[in-house]
Amino acid sequence: MSSIFDEFLEKLSNSKKSESEITGSNLDISQAAEQEINIWAGYTENDSEVYSRLQDYWDNLGVNGWSPNTAWSGAFISYILRDQGFAGSGLHSRYVGDIIDGQYSSWAAYPTNADLPIQVNVGDVLARRRSSGYDSGHADIVYRIDGDTAYLVGGNLSNTIRTMTLSLDNGLLSTNTYEIILKRYSKKKS
């Protein structure tokens, strides 16, 4: 089955970019991400203790009619980035597509398989396809960097929030686990 991520990668490969390195700026989202990690500690989406937090995620997007079992991963990322010029969506593929199509003036998308160095910054969103449908995807956000380790958090993983680490190579992305990286205020060096 094809994926919308195939279309995203094709659009990105056809775009006229002449940079030799992709850099960016760290965003002030660490405290917000760590607060979410603490709120969710020991809870899943079906626990009443986090229901109001799910409500906050959906209220941020203006969405009604959800339930705790509604996929909320995109809403989680959108909530963390709500003060960063990121309108977001409940669907990762929707906001990735919007950024690729230029609907977020201060955000840019890059394929992670590009033959150029990509600096990883706090606030970067790393996205990839999921196998369960054409427009199905997942994304995690970098909330801290310590040396050559990036700390990421994602929502709606096993019905809760999960953190993971990503090894960097002198601050640069060194894996193709993800297909697309979203960066705010990217500075392009030629």
N, C-alpha and C. Protein backbone atom coordinates (compact mmCIF):
# COMPACT_ATOMS: atom_id res chain seq x y z
N MET A 1 0.84 -1.17 0.00
CA MET A 1 0.00 0.00 0.00
C MET A 1 0.89 1.24 0.00
N SER A 2 0.55 2.18 -0.81
CA SER A 2 1.32 3.42 -0.83
C SER A 2 0.93 4.28 0.37
N SER A 3 1.74 5.28 0.62
CA SER A 3 1.55 6.15 1.77
C SER A 3 1.65 7.59 1.32
N ILE A 4 0.97 8.46 2.03
CA ILE A 4 1.08 9.88 1.76
C ILE A 4 2.52 10.35 1.96
N PHE A 5 3.28 9.60 2.78
CA PHE A 5 4.68 9.96 2.98
C PHE A 5 5.49 9.80 1.69
N ASP A 6 5.09 8.88 0.81
CA ASP A 6 5.74 8.78 -0.50
C ASP A 6 5.54 10.08 -1.27
N GLU A 7 4.33 10.62 -1.22
CA GLU A 7 4.04 11.89 -1.90
C GLU A 7 4.83 13.04 -1.27
N PHE A 8 4.89 13.05 0.07
CA PHE A 8 5.66 14.10 0.75
C PHE A 8 7.12 14.07 0.31
N LEU A 9 7.71 12.88 0.31
CA LEU A 9 9.12 12.75 -0.05
C LEU A 9 9.36 13.13 -1.51
N GLU A 10 8.41 12.82 -2.38
CA GLU A 10 8.54 13.22 -3.78
C GLU A 10 8.50 14.74 -3.91
N LYS A 11 7.56 15.39 -3.21
CA LYS A 11 7.49 16.85 -3.25
C LYS A 11 8.78 17.47 -2.74
N LEU A 12 9.30 16.92 -1.65
CA LEU A 12 10.53 17.47 -1.07
C LEU A 12 11.73 17.27 -2.00
N SER A 13 11.77 16.14 -2.69
CA SER A 13 12.89 15.89 -3.61
C SER A 13 12.80 16.76 -4.86
N ASN A 14 11.59 17.18 -5.22
CA ASN A 14 11.41 18.03 -6.39
C ASN A 14 11.54 19.52 -6.09
N SER A 15 11.59 19.87 -4.81
CA SER A 15 11.69 21.29 -4.47
C SER A 15 13.10 21.79 -4.75
N LYS A 16 13.19 23.03 -5.12
CA LYS A 16 14.47 23.64 -5.47
C LYS A 16 15.15 24.12 -4.19
N LYS A 17 16.07 23.31 -3.69
CA LYS A 17 16.83 23.69 -2.50
C LYS A 17 18.30 23.59 -2.83
N SER A 18 19.04 24.59 -2.46
CA SER A 18 20.46 24.61 -2.81
C SER A 18 21.36 24.62 -1.58
N GLU A 19 20.81 24.37 -0.39
CA GLU A 19 21.64 24.43 0.79
C GLU A 19 22.60 23.23 0.87
N SER A 20 23.69 23.46 1.56
CA SER A 20 24.65 22.38 1.77
C SER A 20 24.60 21.87 3.20
N GLU A 21 23.86 22.57 4.05
CA GLU A 21 23.68 22.17 5.45
C GLU A 21 22.38 22.78 5.96
N ILE A 22 21.66 22.03 6.78
CA ILE A 22 20.42 22.53 7.36
C ILE A 22 20.65 22.73 8.86
N THR A 23 20.50 23.97 9.30
CA THR A 23 20.65 24.28 10.71
C THR A 23 19.33 24.81 11.22
N GLY A 24 19.30 25.19 12.46
CA GLY A 24 18.08 25.73 13.03
C GLY A 24 18.35 26.34 14.38
N SER A 25 17.30 26.64 15.09
CA SER A 25 17.39 27.23 16.42
C SER A 25 16.63 26.36 17.41
N ASN A 26 17.11 26.33 18.64
CA ASN A 26 16.38 25.62 19.68
C ASN A 26 15.14 26.42 20.06
N LEU A 27 14.03 25.71 20.23
CA LEU A 27 12.78 26.34 20.65
C LEU A 27 12.61 26.16 22.16
N ASP A 28 11.88 27.05 22.75
CA ASP A 28 11.64 27.02 24.20
C ASP A 28 10.44 26.12 24.51
N ILE A 29 10.65 24.81 24.37
CA ILE A 29 9.54 23.87 24.60
C ILE A 29 9.90 22.80 25.65
N SER A 30 11.13 22.81 26.15
CA SER A 30 11.57 21.75 27.06
C SER A 30 10.70 21.66 28.30
N GLN A 31 10.42 22.78 28.91
CA GLN A 31 9.62 22.78 30.14
C GLN A 31 8.22 22.26 29.87
N ALA A 32 7.61 22.68 28.77
CA ALA A 32 6.25 22.21 28.44
C ALA A 32 6.26 20.70 28.20
N ALA A 33 7.26 20.19 27.50
CA ALA A 33 7.33 18.75 27.23
C ALA A 33 7.54 17.97 28.51
N GLU A 34 8.45 18.44 29.35
CA GLU A 34 8.71 17.73 30.61
C GLU A 34 7.49 17.77 31.53
N GLN A 35 6.72 18.85 31.49
CA GLN A 35 5.48 18.92 32.27
C GLN A 35 4.51 17.83 31.80
N GLU A 36 4.39 17.65 30.48
CA GLU A 36 3.50 16.61 29.96
C GLU A 36 3.99 15.22 30.37
N ILE A 37 5.29 15.01 30.32
CA ILE A 37 5.86 13.71 30.73
C ILE A 37 5.49 13.43 32.18
N ASN A 38 5.61 14.44 33.04
CA ASN A 38 5.27 14.25 34.46
C ASN A 38 3.78 14.01 34.67
N ILE A 39 2.95 14.73 33.94
CA ILE A 39 1.49 14.57 34.08
C ILE A 39 1.08 13.14 33.73
N TRP A 40 1.69 12.58 32.69
CA TRP A 40 1.29 11.27 32.19
C TRP A 40 1.96 10.10 32.92
N ALA A 41 2.90 10.37 33.80
CA ALA A 41 3.66 9.29 34.46
C ALA A 41 2.70 8.30 35.14
N GLY A 42 2.73 7.06 34.67
CA GLY A 42 1.92 6.00 35.27
C GLY A 42 0.48 5.94 34.78
N TYR A 43 0.10 6.80 33.82
CA TYR A 43 -1.28 6.83 33.35
C TYR A 43 -1.38 6.45 31.88
N THR A 44 -2.56 5.98 31.50
CA THR A 44 -2.88 5.76 30.09
C THR A 44 -4.10 6.62 29.76
N GLU A 45 -4.42 6.67 28.49
CA GLU A 45 -5.52 7.52 28.01
C GLU A 45 -6.87 7.20 28.64
N ASN A 46 -7.04 6.02 29.20
CA ASN A 46 -8.31 5.65 29.80
C ASN A 46 -8.40 5.99 31.28
N ASP A 47 -7.34 6.54 31.85
CA ASP A 47 -7.37 6.95 33.26
C ASP A 47 -7.99 8.33 33.38
N SER A 48 -8.94 8.46 34.30
CA SER A 48 -9.66 9.73 34.45
C SER A 48 -8.72 10.87 34.84
N GLU A 49 -7.58 10.56 35.43
CA GLU A 49 -6.64 11.60 35.87
C GLU A 49 -6.06 12.40 34.70
N VAL A 50 -6.06 11.85 33.49
CA VAL A 50 -5.49 12.57 32.35
C VAL A 50 -6.55 13.02 31.35
N TYR A 51 -7.81 12.78 31.66
CA TYR A 51 -8.88 13.17 30.75
C TYR A 51 -8.84 14.67 30.47
N SER A 52 -8.63 15.48 31.51
CA SER A 52 -8.61 16.93 31.31
C SER A 52 -7.43 17.35 30.44
N ARG A 53 -6.34 16.58 30.47
CA ARG A 53 -5.20 16.92 29.64
C ARG A 53 -5.52 16.63 28.17
N LEU A 54 -6.17 15.50 27.92
CA LEU A 54 -6.61 15.21 26.55
C LEU A 54 -7.56 16.31 26.06
N GLN A 55 -8.43 16.77 26.95
CA GLN A 55 -9.34 17.86 26.61
C GLN A 55 -8.55 19.10 26.20
N ASP A 56 -7.46 19.41 26.93
CA ASP A 56 -6.62 20.55 26.57
C ASP A 56 -6.04 20.40 25.17
N TYR A 57 -5.58 19.19 24.84
CA TYR A 57 -5.00 18.96 23.50
C TYR A 57 -6.02 19.25 22.41
N TRP A 58 -7.23 18.71 22.59
CA TRP A 58 -8.27 18.88 21.56
C TRP A 58 -8.81 20.31 21.55
N ASP A 59 -8.94 20.93 22.73
CA ASP A 59 -9.38 22.33 22.77
C ASP A 59 -8.40 23.23 22.02
N ASN A 60 -7.11 22.95 22.13
CA ASN A 60 -6.09 23.72 21.42
C ASN A 60 -6.34 23.71 19.91
N LEU A 61 -6.90 22.61 19.41
CA LEU A 61 -7.17 22.48 17.98
C LEU A 61 -8.62 22.84 17.62
N GLY A 62 -9.45 23.13 18.63
CA GLY A 62 -10.85 23.44 18.37
C GLY A 62 -11.66 22.22 17.97
N VAL A 63 -11.27 21.05 18.46
CA VAL A 63 -11.94 19.80 18.09
C VAL A 63 -12.88 19.36 19.22
N ASN A 64 -14.10 19.03 18.83
CA ASN A 64 -15.09 18.48 19.76
C ASN A 64 -15.41 17.05 19.35
N GLY A 65 -16.09 16.32 20.22
CA GLY A 65 -16.58 15.00 19.87
C GLY A 65 -15.53 13.91 19.90
N TRP A 66 -14.48 14.08 20.63
CA TRP A 66 -13.44 13.07 20.74
C TRP A 66 -13.73 12.20 21.98
N SER A 67 -13.05 11.08 22.04
CA SER A 67 -13.11 10.22 23.22
C SER A 67 -11.67 9.89 23.61
N PRO A 68 -11.44 9.34 24.80
CA PRO A 68 -10.06 9.00 25.17
C PRO A 68 -9.40 8.03 24.19
N ASN A 69 -10.16 7.29 23.43
CA ASN A 69 -9.59 6.34 22.48
C ASN A 69 -9.36 6.95 21.10
N THR A 70 -9.74 8.22 20.89
CA THR A 70 -9.45 8.91 19.64
C THR A 70 -7.94 9.11 19.55
N ALA A 71 -7.35 8.77 18.41
CA ALA A 71 -5.90 8.94 18.24
C ALA A 71 -5.53 10.40 18.53
N TRP A 72 -4.64 10.62 19.48
CA TRP A 72 -4.33 11.97 19.94
C TRP A 72 -2.86 12.35 19.80
N SER A 73 -2.09 11.55 19.11
CA SER A 73 -0.66 11.82 18.97
C SER A 73 -0.38 13.15 18.28
N GLY A 74 -1.08 13.43 17.19
CA GLY A 74 -0.89 14.71 16.49
C GLY A 74 -1.33 15.88 17.34
N ALA A 75 -2.42 15.69 18.09
CA ALA A 75 -2.90 16.74 18.99
C ALA A 75 -1.87 17.03 20.09
N PHE A 76 -1.19 16.00 20.54
CA PHE A 76 -0.15 16.16 21.57
C PHE A 76 1.00 17.03 21.04
N ILE A 77 1.52 16.70 19.87
CA ILE A 77 2.61 17.48 19.27
C ILE A 77 2.15 18.92 19.04
N SER A 78 0.94 19.08 18.54
CA SER A 78 0.39 20.42 18.29
C SER A 78 0.29 21.22 19.57
N TYR A 79 -0.06 20.56 20.67
CA TYR A 79 -0.18 21.25 21.96
C TYR A 79 1.20 21.72 22.44
N ILE A 80 2.19 20.87 22.34
CA ILE A 80 3.54 21.24 22.78
C ILE A 80 4.04 22.45 21.98
N LEU A 81 3.71 22.52 20.70
CA LEU A 81 4.20 23.58 19.82
C LEU A 81 3.22 24.75 19.66
N ARG A 82 2.21 24.81 20.47
CA ARG A 82 1.15 25.81 20.30
C ARG A 82 1.64 27.25 20.33
N ASP A 83 2.75 27.52 20.99
CA ASP A 83 3.28 28.89 21.06
C ASP A 83 4.43 29.12 20.09
N GLN A 84 4.56 28.24 19.10
CA GLN A 84 5.69 28.30 18.19
C GLN A 84 5.27 28.49 16.72
N GLY A 85 4.15 29.13 16.50
CA GLY A 85 3.70 29.35 15.12
C GLY A 85 3.24 28.06 14.45
N PHE A 86 2.71 27.15 15.24
CA PHE A 86 2.35 25.82 14.77
C PHE A 86 0.88 25.58 15.06
N ALA A 87 0.02 25.75 14.06
CA ALA A 87 -1.42 25.56 14.26
C ALA A 87 -1.73 24.10 14.54
N GLY A 88 -1.06 23.21 13.84
CA GLY A 88 -1.17 21.79 14.11
C GLY A 88 -2.44 21.14 13.61
N SER A 89 -2.56 19.86 13.98
CA SER A 89 -3.68 19.04 13.57
C SER A 89 -3.67 17.77 14.41
N GLY A 90 -4.79 17.11 14.46
CA GLY A 90 -4.85 15.81 15.10
C GLY A 90 -4.15 14.74 14.27
N LEU A 91 -3.97 15.02 12.99
CA LEU A 91 -3.29 14.09 12.09
C LEU A 91 -1.88 14.60 11.77
N HIS A 92 -0.88 13.78 12.06
CA HIS A 92 0.49 14.17 11.72
C HIS A 92 0.62 14.48 10.23
N SER A 93 0.00 13.62 9.41
CA SER A 93 0.15 13.81 7.96
C SER A 93 -0.44 15.14 7.50
N ARG A 94 -1.44 15.65 8.19
CA ARG A 94 -2.01 16.93 7.78
C ARG A 94 -1.04 18.08 8.04
N TYR A 95 -0.47 18.15 9.24
CA TYR A 95 0.43 19.28 9.48
C TYR A 95 1.75 19.13 8.72
N VAL A 96 2.22 17.90 8.51
CA VAL A 96 3.42 17.71 7.69
C VAL A 96 3.14 18.23 6.27
N GLY A 97 2.00 17.83 5.70
CA GLY A 97 1.63 18.28 4.36
C GLY A 97 1.46 19.79 4.29
N ASP A 98 0.86 20.38 5.31
CA ASP A 98 0.69 21.83 5.33
C ASP A 98 2.03 22.56 5.34
N ILE A 99 2.99 22.04 6.10
CA ILE A 99 4.31 22.67 6.13
C ILE A 99 5.00 22.52 4.78
N ILE A 100 4.93 21.33 4.19
CA ILE A 100 5.53 21.12 2.88
C ILE A 100 4.90 22.05 1.84
N ASP A 101 3.59 22.28 1.95
CA ASP A 101 2.89 23.14 1.00
C ASP A 101 3.04 24.63 1.31
N GLY A 102 3.83 24.98 2.33
CA GLY A 102 4.12 26.38 2.63
C GLY A 102 3.06 27.10 3.44
N GLN A 103 2.19 26.38 4.13
CA GLN A 103 1.13 27.02 4.90
C GLN A 103 1.58 27.48 6.29
N TYR A 104 2.79 27.14 6.68
CA TYR A 104 3.38 27.61 7.94
C TYR A 104 4.61 28.42 7.55
N SER A 105 4.51 29.72 7.61
CA SER A 105 5.58 30.57 7.07
C SER A 105 6.90 30.43 7.81
N SER A 106 6.88 30.03 9.07
CA SER A 106 8.13 29.95 9.82
C SER A 106 8.61 28.52 10.04
N TRP A 107 8.03 27.56 9.33
CA TRP A 107 8.43 26.16 9.44
C TRP A 107 8.85 25.63 8.08
N ALA A 108 9.76 24.66 8.08
CA ALA A 108 10.20 24.02 6.85
C ALA A 108 10.31 22.52 7.08
N ALA A 109 10.18 21.75 6.02
CA ALA A 109 10.28 20.29 6.06
C ALA A 109 11.46 19.85 5.20
N TYR A 110 12.15 18.82 5.67
CA TYR A 110 13.29 18.28 4.94
C TYR A 110 13.24 16.76 5.01
N PRO A 111 13.62 16.09 3.95
CA PRO A 111 13.73 14.63 4.01
C PRO A 111 14.97 14.26 4.82
N THR A 112 14.85 13.26 5.66
CA THR A 112 16.01 12.87 6.47
C THR A 112 17.03 12.07 5.68
N ASN A 113 16.66 11.62 4.49
CA ASN A 113 17.60 10.85 3.68
C ASN A 113 18.39 11.71 2.70
N ALA A 114 18.28 13.02 2.87
CA ALA A 114 19.01 13.94 1.98
C ALA A 114 20.51 13.76 2.21
N ASP A 115 21.27 13.98 1.17
CA ASP A 115 22.72 13.85 1.27
C ASP A 115 23.34 15.15 1.76
N LEU A 116 22.84 15.67 2.87
CA LEU A 116 23.41 16.86 3.45
C LEU A 116 23.22 16.79 4.97
N PRO A 117 24.11 17.42 5.70
CA PRO A 117 24.01 17.37 7.16
C PRO A 117 22.77 18.13 7.65
N ILE A 118 22.11 17.53 8.65
CA ILE A 118 20.93 18.15 9.26
C ILE A 118 21.20 18.27 10.75
N GLN A 119 21.33 19.50 11.23
CA GLN A 119 21.49 19.75 12.65
C GLN A 119 20.16 19.47 13.34
N VAL A 120 20.21 18.84 14.50
CA VAL A 120 19.00 18.56 15.28
C VAL A 120 18.91 19.59 16.39
N ASN A 121 17.71 20.18 16.55
CA ASN A 121 17.47 21.20 17.56
C ASN A 121 16.29 20.83 18.43
N VAL A 122 16.27 21.38 19.63
CA VAL A 122 15.10 21.25 20.49
C VAL A 122 13.92 21.90 19.77
N GLY A 123 12.82 21.17 19.69
CA GLY A 123 11.63 21.65 19.00
C GLY A 123 11.45 21.05 17.62
N ASP A 124 12.47 20.37 17.09
CA ASP A 124 12.32 19.70 15.80
C ASP A 124 11.33 18.56 15.93
N VAL A 125 10.54 18.36 14.90
CA VAL A 125 9.57 17.27 14.85
C VAL A 125 10.06 16.26 13.83
N LEU A 126 10.18 15.02 14.25
CA LEU A 126 10.62 13.93 13.38
C LEU A 126 9.43 13.05 13.07
N ALA A 127 9.13 12.88 11.79
CA ALA A 127 7.92 12.17 11.37
C ALA A 127 8.25 10.97 10.49
N ARG A 128 7.35 10.00 10.52
CA ARG A 128 7.50 8.80 9.69
C ARG A 128 6.12 8.22 9.42
N ARG A 129 6.06 7.37 8.43
CA ARG A 129 4.81 6.69 8.10
C ARG A 129 4.54 5.58 9.11
N ARG A 130 3.28 5.23 9.19
CA ARG A 130 2.86 4.02 9.90
C ARG A 130 2.28 3.09 8.87
N SER A 131 2.26 1.82 9.17
CA SER A 131 1.82 0.84 8.18
C SER A 131 0.31 0.69 8.12
N SER A 132 -0.41 1.42 8.94
CA SER A 132 -1.85 1.19 9.05
C SER A 132 -2.72 2.17 8.28
N GLY A 133 -2.38 2.46 7.04
CA GLY A 133 -3.25 3.32 6.25
C GLY A 133 -2.50 4.35 5.46
N TYR A 134 -3.14 4.82 4.41
CA TYR A 134 -2.55 5.77 3.47
C TYR A 134 -2.03 7.03 4.15
N ASP A 135 -2.85 7.66 5.01
CA ASP A 135 -2.43 8.92 5.62
C ASP A 135 -1.98 8.75 7.07
N SER A 136 -1.65 7.53 7.45
CA SER A 136 -1.24 7.25 8.82
C SER A 136 0.24 7.54 9.01
N GLY A 137 0.53 8.28 10.05
CA GLY A 137 1.91 8.61 10.36
C GLY A 137 2.08 8.80 11.85
N HIS A 138 3.30 8.99 12.26
CA HIS A 138 3.60 9.28 13.66
C HIS A 138 4.75 10.29 13.68
N ALA A 139 4.79 11.08 14.73
CA ALA A 139 5.87 12.04 14.91
C ALA A 139 6.22 12.15 16.38
N ASP A 140 7.48 12.44 16.62
CA ASP A 140 7.99 12.70 17.97
C ASP A 140 8.68 14.05 17.92
N ILE A 141 8.79 14.68 19.09
CA ILE A 141 9.41 16.01 19.15
C ILE A 141 10.65 15.95 20.04
N VAL A 142 11.70 16.64 19.60
CA VAL A 142 12.92 16.74 20.39
C VAL A 142 12.68 17.76 21.49
N TYR A 143 12.82 17.31 22.75
CA TYR A 143 12.58 18.25 23.85
C TYR A 143 13.84 18.57 24.66
N ARG A 144 14.92 17.82 24.40
CA ARG A 144 16.18 18.11 25.09
C ARG A 144 17.31 17.48 24.29
N ILE A 145 18.46 18.15 24.33
CA ILE A 145 19.67 17.60 23.73
C ILE A 145 20.78 17.69 24.77
N ASP A 146 21.45 16.59 24.98
CA ASP A 146 22.56 16.53 25.92
C ASP A 146 23.73 15.86 25.19
N GLY A 147 24.71 16.66 24.82
CA GLY A 147 25.83 16.12 24.05
C GLY A 147 25.34 15.61 22.71
N ASP A 148 25.60 14.35 22.44
CA ASP A 148 25.16 13.74 21.18
C ASP A 148 23.94 12.84 21.38
N THR A 149 23.13 13.17 22.37
CA THR A 149 21.88 12.45 22.59
C THR A 149 20.71 13.42 22.54
N ALA A 150 19.77 13.15 21.64
CA ALA A 150 18.53 13.92 21.57
C ALA A 150 17.46 13.13 22.31
N TYR A 151 16.68 13.81 23.12
CA TYR A 151 15.59 13.20 23.86
C TYR A 151 14.29 13.60 23.18
N LEU A 152 13.49 12.60 22.83
CA LEU A 152 12.24 12.82 22.12
C LEU A 152 11.08 12.34 22.96
N VAL A 153 9.91 12.92 22.69
CA VAL A 153 8.68 12.48 23.33
C VAL A 153 7.59 12.43 22.27
N GLY A 154 6.75 11.42 22.40
CA GLY A 154 5.62 11.27 21.50
C GLY A 154 4.40 10.85 22.30
N GLY A 155 3.25 11.17 21.79
CA GLY A 155 2.00 10.83 22.46
C GLY A 155 1.28 9.68 21.80
N ASN A 156 0.37 9.10 22.54
CA ASN A 156 -0.47 8.01 22.05
C ASN A 156 0.35 6.80 21.61
N LEU A 157 1.42 6.55 22.32
CA LEU A 157 2.24 5.36 22.12
C LEU A 157 1.90 4.39 23.25
N SER A 158 1.33 3.27 22.91
CA SER A 158 0.81 2.33 23.92
C SER A 158 -0.16 3.04 24.86
N ASN A 159 -0.94 3.97 24.28
CA ASN A 159 -2.00 4.71 24.98
C ASN A 159 -1.49 5.67 26.05
N THR A 160 -0.26 6.10 25.94
CA THR A 160 0.31 7.06 26.88
C THR A 160 1.39 7.87 26.17
N ILE A 161 2.19 8.58 26.94
CA ILE A 161 3.32 9.32 26.41
C ILE A 161 4.57 8.47 26.63
N ARG A 162 5.43 8.47 25.63
CA ARG A 162 6.67 7.71 25.75
C ARG A 162 7.84 8.58 25.32
N THR A 163 8.93 8.43 26.04
CA THR A 163 10.16 9.13 25.68
C THR A 163 11.13 8.12 25.06
N MET A 164 12.03 8.64 24.25
CA MET A 164 13.05 7.81 23.63
C MET A 164 14.27 8.69 23.37
N THR A 165 15.37 8.05 23.04
CA THR A 165 16.58 8.81 22.71
C THR A 165 16.98 8.54 21.27
N LEU A 166 17.71 9.48 20.74
CA LEU A 166 18.21 9.39 19.37
C LEU A 166 19.67 9.82 19.41
N SER A 167 20.55 8.96 18.94
CA SER A 167 21.97 9.29 18.90
C SER A 167 22.24 10.25 17.75
N LEU A 168 23.05 11.26 18.05
CA LEU A 168 23.46 12.24 17.04
C LEU A 168 24.94 12.07 16.75
N ASP A 169 25.36 12.61 15.65
CA ASP A 169 26.76 12.60 15.26
C ASP A 169 27.24 14.04 15.22
N ASN A 170 27.88 14.48 16.30
CA ASN A 170 28.29 15.88 16.43
C ASN A 170 27.12 16.82 16.23
N GLY A 171 25.98 16.50 16.80
CA GLY A 171 24.79 17.33 16.72
C GLY A 171 23.97 17.14 15.47
N LEU A 172 24.41 16.25 14.59
CA LEU A 172 23.71 16.04 13.31
C LEU A 172 22.90 14.75 13.35
N LEU A 173 21.80 14.76 12.61
CA LEU A 173 20.96 13.58 12.46
C LEU A 173 21.79 12.47 11.84
N SER A 174 21.74 11.29 12.45
CA SER A 174 22.58 10.20 11.95
C SER A 174 21.80 8.92 11.72
N THR A 175 20.49 9.03 11.63
CA THR A 175 19.66 7.84 11.43
C THR A 175 18.54 8.15 10.45
N ASN A 176 18.05 7.13 9.81
CA ASN A 176 16.90 7.29 8.93
C ASN A 176 15.67 6.61 9.51
N THR A 177 15.60 6.51 10.83
CA THR A 177 14.42 5.95 11.48
C THR A 177 13.18 6.77 11.12
N TYR A 178 13.39 8.06 10.98
CA TYR A 178 12.33 8.98 10.60
C TYR A 178 12.54 9.38 9.15
N GLU A 179 11.47 9.81 8.48
CA GLU A 179 11.56 10.16 7.07
C GLU A 179 11.62 11.66 6.81
N ILE A 180 11.03 12.43 7.71
CA ILE A 180 10.93 13.88 7.51
C ILE A 180 11.23 14.58 8.82
N ILE A 181 11.96 15.67 8.74
CA ILE A 181 12.20 16.51 9.91
C ILE A 181 11.57 17.88 9.65
N LEU A 182 10.84 18.38 10.63
CA LEU A 182 10.23 19.70 10.56
C LEU A 182 11.00 20.62 11.49
N LYS A 183 11.38 21.79 10.97
CA LYS A 183 12.18 22.73 11.74
C LYS A 183 11.57 24.12 11.65
N ARG A 184 11.63 24.83 12.75
CA ARG A 184 11.20 26.22 12.74
C ARG A 184 12.41 27.12 12.60
N TYR A 185 12.24 28.21 11.86
CA TYR A 185 13.29 29.21 11.66
C TYR A 185 14.56 28.57 11.15
N SER A 186 14.44 27.70 10.18
CA SER A 186 15.62 27.06 9.61
C SER A 186 16.49 28.10 8.92
N LYS A 187 17.75 27.95 9.12
CA LYS A 187 18.71 28.80 8.44
C LYS A 187 19.42 27.90 7.45
N LYS A 188 19.43 28.29 6.21
CA LYS A 188 20.02 27.47 5.16
C LYS A 188 21.39 28.02 4.80
N LYS A 189 22.37 27.16 4.85
CA LYS A 189 23.72 27.56 4.47
C LYS A 189 24.05 26.98 3.11
N SER A 190 24.61 27.80 2.26
CA SER A 190 25.01 27.33 0.93
C SER A 190 26.50 27.35 0.81
